[in-house]
Protein backbone atom coordinates (compact mmCIF):
# COMPACT_ATOMS: atom_id res chain seq x y z
CA UNK A 1 92.80 271.84 81.40
CA UNK A 2 89.54 269.96 81.84
CA UNK A 3 91.36 266.95 83.31
CA UNK A 4 93.11 269.20 85.86
CA UNK A 5 89.78 270.76 86.85
CA UNK A 6 88.14 267.34 87.25
CA UNK A 7 91.13 266.12 89.28
CA UNK A 8 90.70 269.14 91.56
CA UNK A 9 86.99 268.30 92.00
CA UNK A 10 87.96 264.69 92.75
CA UNK A 11 90.41 265.71 95.47
CA UNK A 12 88.08 268.35 96.94
CA UNK A 13 85.21 265.84 97.00
CA UNK A 14 87.43 263.34 98.80
CA UNK A 15 88.10 266.03 101.38
CA UNK A 16 84.33 266.35 101.74
CA UNK A 17 84.15 262.66 102.64
CA UNK A 18 86.76 263.20 105.34
CA UNK A 19 84.82 266.24 106.56
CA UNK A 20 81.66 264.14 106.88
CA UNK A 21 83.58 261.54 108.86
CA UNK A 22 84.99 264.32 111.05
CA UNK A 23 81.46 265.51 111.82
CA UNK A 24 80.41 261.95 112.55
CA UNK A 25 83.40 261.40 114.84
CA UNK A 26 82.65 264.56 116.80
CA UNK A 27 79.01 263.48 117.14
CA UNK A 28 80.05 260.02 118.31
CA UNK A 29 82.26 261.55 120.99
CA UNK A 30 79.37 263.73 122.13
CA UNK A 31 77.08 260.68 122.22
CA UNK A 32 79.59 258.80 124.33
CA UNK A 33 79.75 261.68 126.81
CA UNK A 34 76.03 262.47 126.92
CA UNK A 35 74.94 262.52 130.54
CA UNK A 36 71.53 264.15 130.18
CA UNK A 37 68.77 264.10 127.55
CA UNK A 38 69.58 267.59 126.23
CA UNK A 39 73.19 266.58 125.54
CA UNK A 40 72.00 263.42 123.86
CA UNK A 41 69.74 265.41 121.55
CA UNK A 42 72.54 267.90 120.82
CA UNK A 43 74.91 265.08 119.91
CA UNK A 44 72.38 263.49 117.60
CA UNK A 45 71.69 266.83 115.92
CA UNK A 46 75.26 266.81 114.58
CA UNK A 47 74.30 263.89 112.36
CA UNK A 48 72.04 266.11 110.29
CA UNK A 49 75.21 267.37 108.54
CA UNK A 50 76.80 263.98 107.87
CA UNK A 51 74.45 262.93 105.07
CA UNK A 52 74.53 266.14 102.97
CA UNK A 53 78.29 266.69 103.38
CA UNK A 54 79.10 263.02 102.85
CA UNK A 55 76.60 262.67 100.02
CA UNK A 56 78.01 265.63 98.14
CA UNK A 57 81.54 264.36 98.71
CA UNK A 58 80.61 260.85 97.57
CA UNK A 59 78.78 262.07 94.48
CA UNK A 60 81.59 264.41 93.49
CA UNK A 61 84.20 261.71 94.08
CA UNK A 62 82.33 259.08 92.07
CA UNK A 63 81.46 261.34 89.12
CA UNK A 64 84.90 262.91 88.83
CA UNK A 65 86.56 259.54 89.41
CA UNK A 66 84.47 257.96 86.65
CA UNK A 67 85.55 260.70 84.26
CA UNK A 68 89.22 260.31 85.22
CA UNK A 69 89.05 256.52 84.94
CA UNK A 70 87.41 256.76 81.53
CA UNK A 71 89.76 259.35 80.08
CA UNK A 72 93.08 258.79 81.81
CA UNK A 73 93.41 255.32 83.33
CA UNK A 74 90.81 252.91 82.03
CA UNK A 75 88.44 250.71 83.97
CA UNK A 76 90.69 247.65 84.03
CA UNK A 77 93.23 249.24 86.34
CA UNK A 78 93.78 247.30 89.58
CA UNK A 79 93.95 250.19 92.01
CA UNK A 80 90.87 251.86 90.51
CA UNK A 81 88.81 248.68 90.72
CA UNK A 82 89.85 248.02 94.32
CA UNK A 83 89.29 251.67 95.28
CA UNK A 84 85.82 251.55 93.72
CA UNK A 85 85.09 248.43 95.77
CA UNK A 86 86.22 250.39 98.83
CA UNK A 87 83.82 253.21 97.95
CA UNK A 88 80.96 250.71 97.72
CA UNK A 89 81.98 249.26 101.09
CA UNK A 90 82.05 252.78 102.58
CA UNK A 91 78.51 253.44 101.39
CA UNK A 92 77.14 250.07 102.53
CA UNK A 93 78.73 250.31 105.98
CA UNK A 94 77.65 253.92 106.42
CA UNK A 95 74.07 253.18 105.44
CA UNK A 96 73.56 249.91 107.27
CA UNK A 97 75.85 249.94 110.28
CA UNK A 98 75.60 253.64 111.10
CA UNK A 99 72.67 255.22 109.27
CA UNK A 100 70.03 252.76 110.41
CA UNK A 101 71.29 252.73 114.01
CA UNK A 102 71.41 256.51 114.25
CA UNK A 103 67.94 256.83 112.70
CA UNK A 104 66.55 254.38 115.29
CA UNK A 105 68.35 256.24 118.08
CA UNK A 106 67.00 259.60 116.89
CA UNK A 107 63.46 258.20 116.70
CA UNK A 108 63.82 256.68 120.17
CA UNK A 109 64.95 260.00 121.64
CA UNK A 110 62.05 261.84 119.95
CA UNK A 111 59.56 259.22 121.17
CA UNK A 112 61.05 259.12 124.65
CA UNK A 113 61.75 255.39 124.38
CA UNK A 114 65.54 255.83 124.61
CA UNK A 115 67.01 257.13 127.84
CA UNK A 116 70.51 257.59 129.18
CA UNK A 117 70.83 254.43 131.28
CA UNK A 118 72.22 251.74 129.00
CA UNK A 119 72.31 254.24 126.17
CA UNK A 120 72.51 252.51 122.79
CA UNK A 121 74.65 255.44 121.62
CA UNK A 122 77.54 253.66 123.29
CA UNK A 123 76.96 250.88 120.76
CA UNK A 124 80.38 249.56 119.68
CA UNK A 125 79.06 248.92 116.16
CA UNK A 126 78.86 252.68 115.60
CA UNK A 127 82.55 253.01 116.45
CA UNK A 128 83.47 249.94 114.40
CA UNK A 129 81.72 251.41 111.37
CA UNK A 130 83.30 254.82 111.86
CA UNK A 131 86.86 253.59 112.38
CA UNK A 132 86.70 251.08 109.56
CA UNK A 133 85.33 253.65 107.11
CA UNK A 134 88.09 256.10 108.07
CA UNK A 135 90.67 253.36 107.51
CA UNK A 136 89.12 252.40 104.15
CA UNK A 137 89.15 256.02 103.01
CA UNK A 138 92.83 256.30 103.97
CA UNK A 139 93.44 253.04 102.10
CA UNK A 140 91.77 254.48 99.00
CA UNK A 141 93.98 257.56 99.23
CA UNK A 142 96.99 255.25 99.47
CA UNK A 143 95.86 253.48 96.29
CA UNK A 144 95.40 256.80 94.50
CA UNK A 145 98.87 257.97 95.51
CA UNK A 146 100.83 254.76 94.85
CA UNK A 147 98.79 253.11 92.07
CA UNK A 148 99.85 249.51 92.86
CA UNK A 149 98.96 246.41 90.85
CA UNK A 150 96.34 243.87 91.86
CA UNK A 151 98.27 242.24 94.67
CA UNK A 152 99.40 245.53 96.21
CA UNK A 153 95.89 246.98 95.89
CA UNK A 154 94.25 244.04 97.64
CA UNK A 155 96.88 243.98 100.37
CA UNK A 156 96.52 247.73 100.95
CA UNK A 157 92.74 247.52 101.23
CA UNK A 158 92.91 244.41 103.45
CA UNK A 159 95.35 246.21 105.77
CA UNK A 160 93.03 249.23 105.89
CA UNK A 161 89.95 247.14 106.75
CA UNK A 162 91.92 245.12 109.32
CA UNK A 163 93.23 248.32 110.93
CA UNK A 164 89.70 249.66 111.32
CA UNK A 165 88.46 246.39 112.78
CA UNK A 166 91.40 246.02 115.15
CA UNK A 167 91.03 249.62 116.34
CA UNK A 168 87.51 248.70 117.46
CA UNK A 169 88.31 245.41 119.13
CA UNK A 170 88.57 246.92 122.61
CA UNK A 171 85.01 248.30 122.34
CA UNK A 172 83.69 244.76 121.94
CA UNK A 173 85.82 243.40 124.77
CA UNK A 174 84.39 245.97 127.19
CA UNK A 175 87.74 247.55 128.04
CA UNK A 176 86.57 251.12 127.79
CA UNK A 177 84.81 252.35 130.91
CA UNK A 178 81.70 254.43 130.23
CA UNK A 179 82.20 258.15 130.61
CA UNK A 180 80.50 259.75 133.59
CA UNK A 181 79.09 263.26 133.77
CA UNK A 182 82.45 264.40 135.19
CA UNK A 183 84.12 263.19 131.95
CA UNK A 184 86.14 260.42 133.61
CA UNK A 185 85.77 256.69 133.15
CA UNK A 186 83.56 255.03 135.72
CA UNK A 187 85.01 252.24 137.84
CA UNK A 188 83.86 248.77 136.95
């Protein structure tokens, strides 16, 4: 019974991680479309929910996962080790690539040093981080569902990371036209 309860907490906590990424994705879309300072501030305010929702999801996932690994699977299981590495990568990317950039952007908006022209909110690194973390989380779910050996686990995680990176390639090549206040791409 206890194992079933912990498994439920593990799955629910994983859903919390996806919820945090959903909030972040919605905020990123708002940032991309911000055409006036008030909209910029409103978009950035959505980030206040990412850390508590994601933090609770991460903590619940790690604690319940540690219990399940200790009691049911063992720590020398390929898919668990690779998934745990993915969790570490999620946290590092979220903290460094997104967290620091958003904190600087929020401070710049408060101080009045960040304006709409050339808005750093359209920073492709924010999208790269977001898309790659979504792909990694999906990769971890794949590992949990299929429980492959070492080779399959590494391939699955490599495919997930590559998918996130490739999904962001266009942002770095400048293909996407900035969104105007009318919501349509501006001509280049």
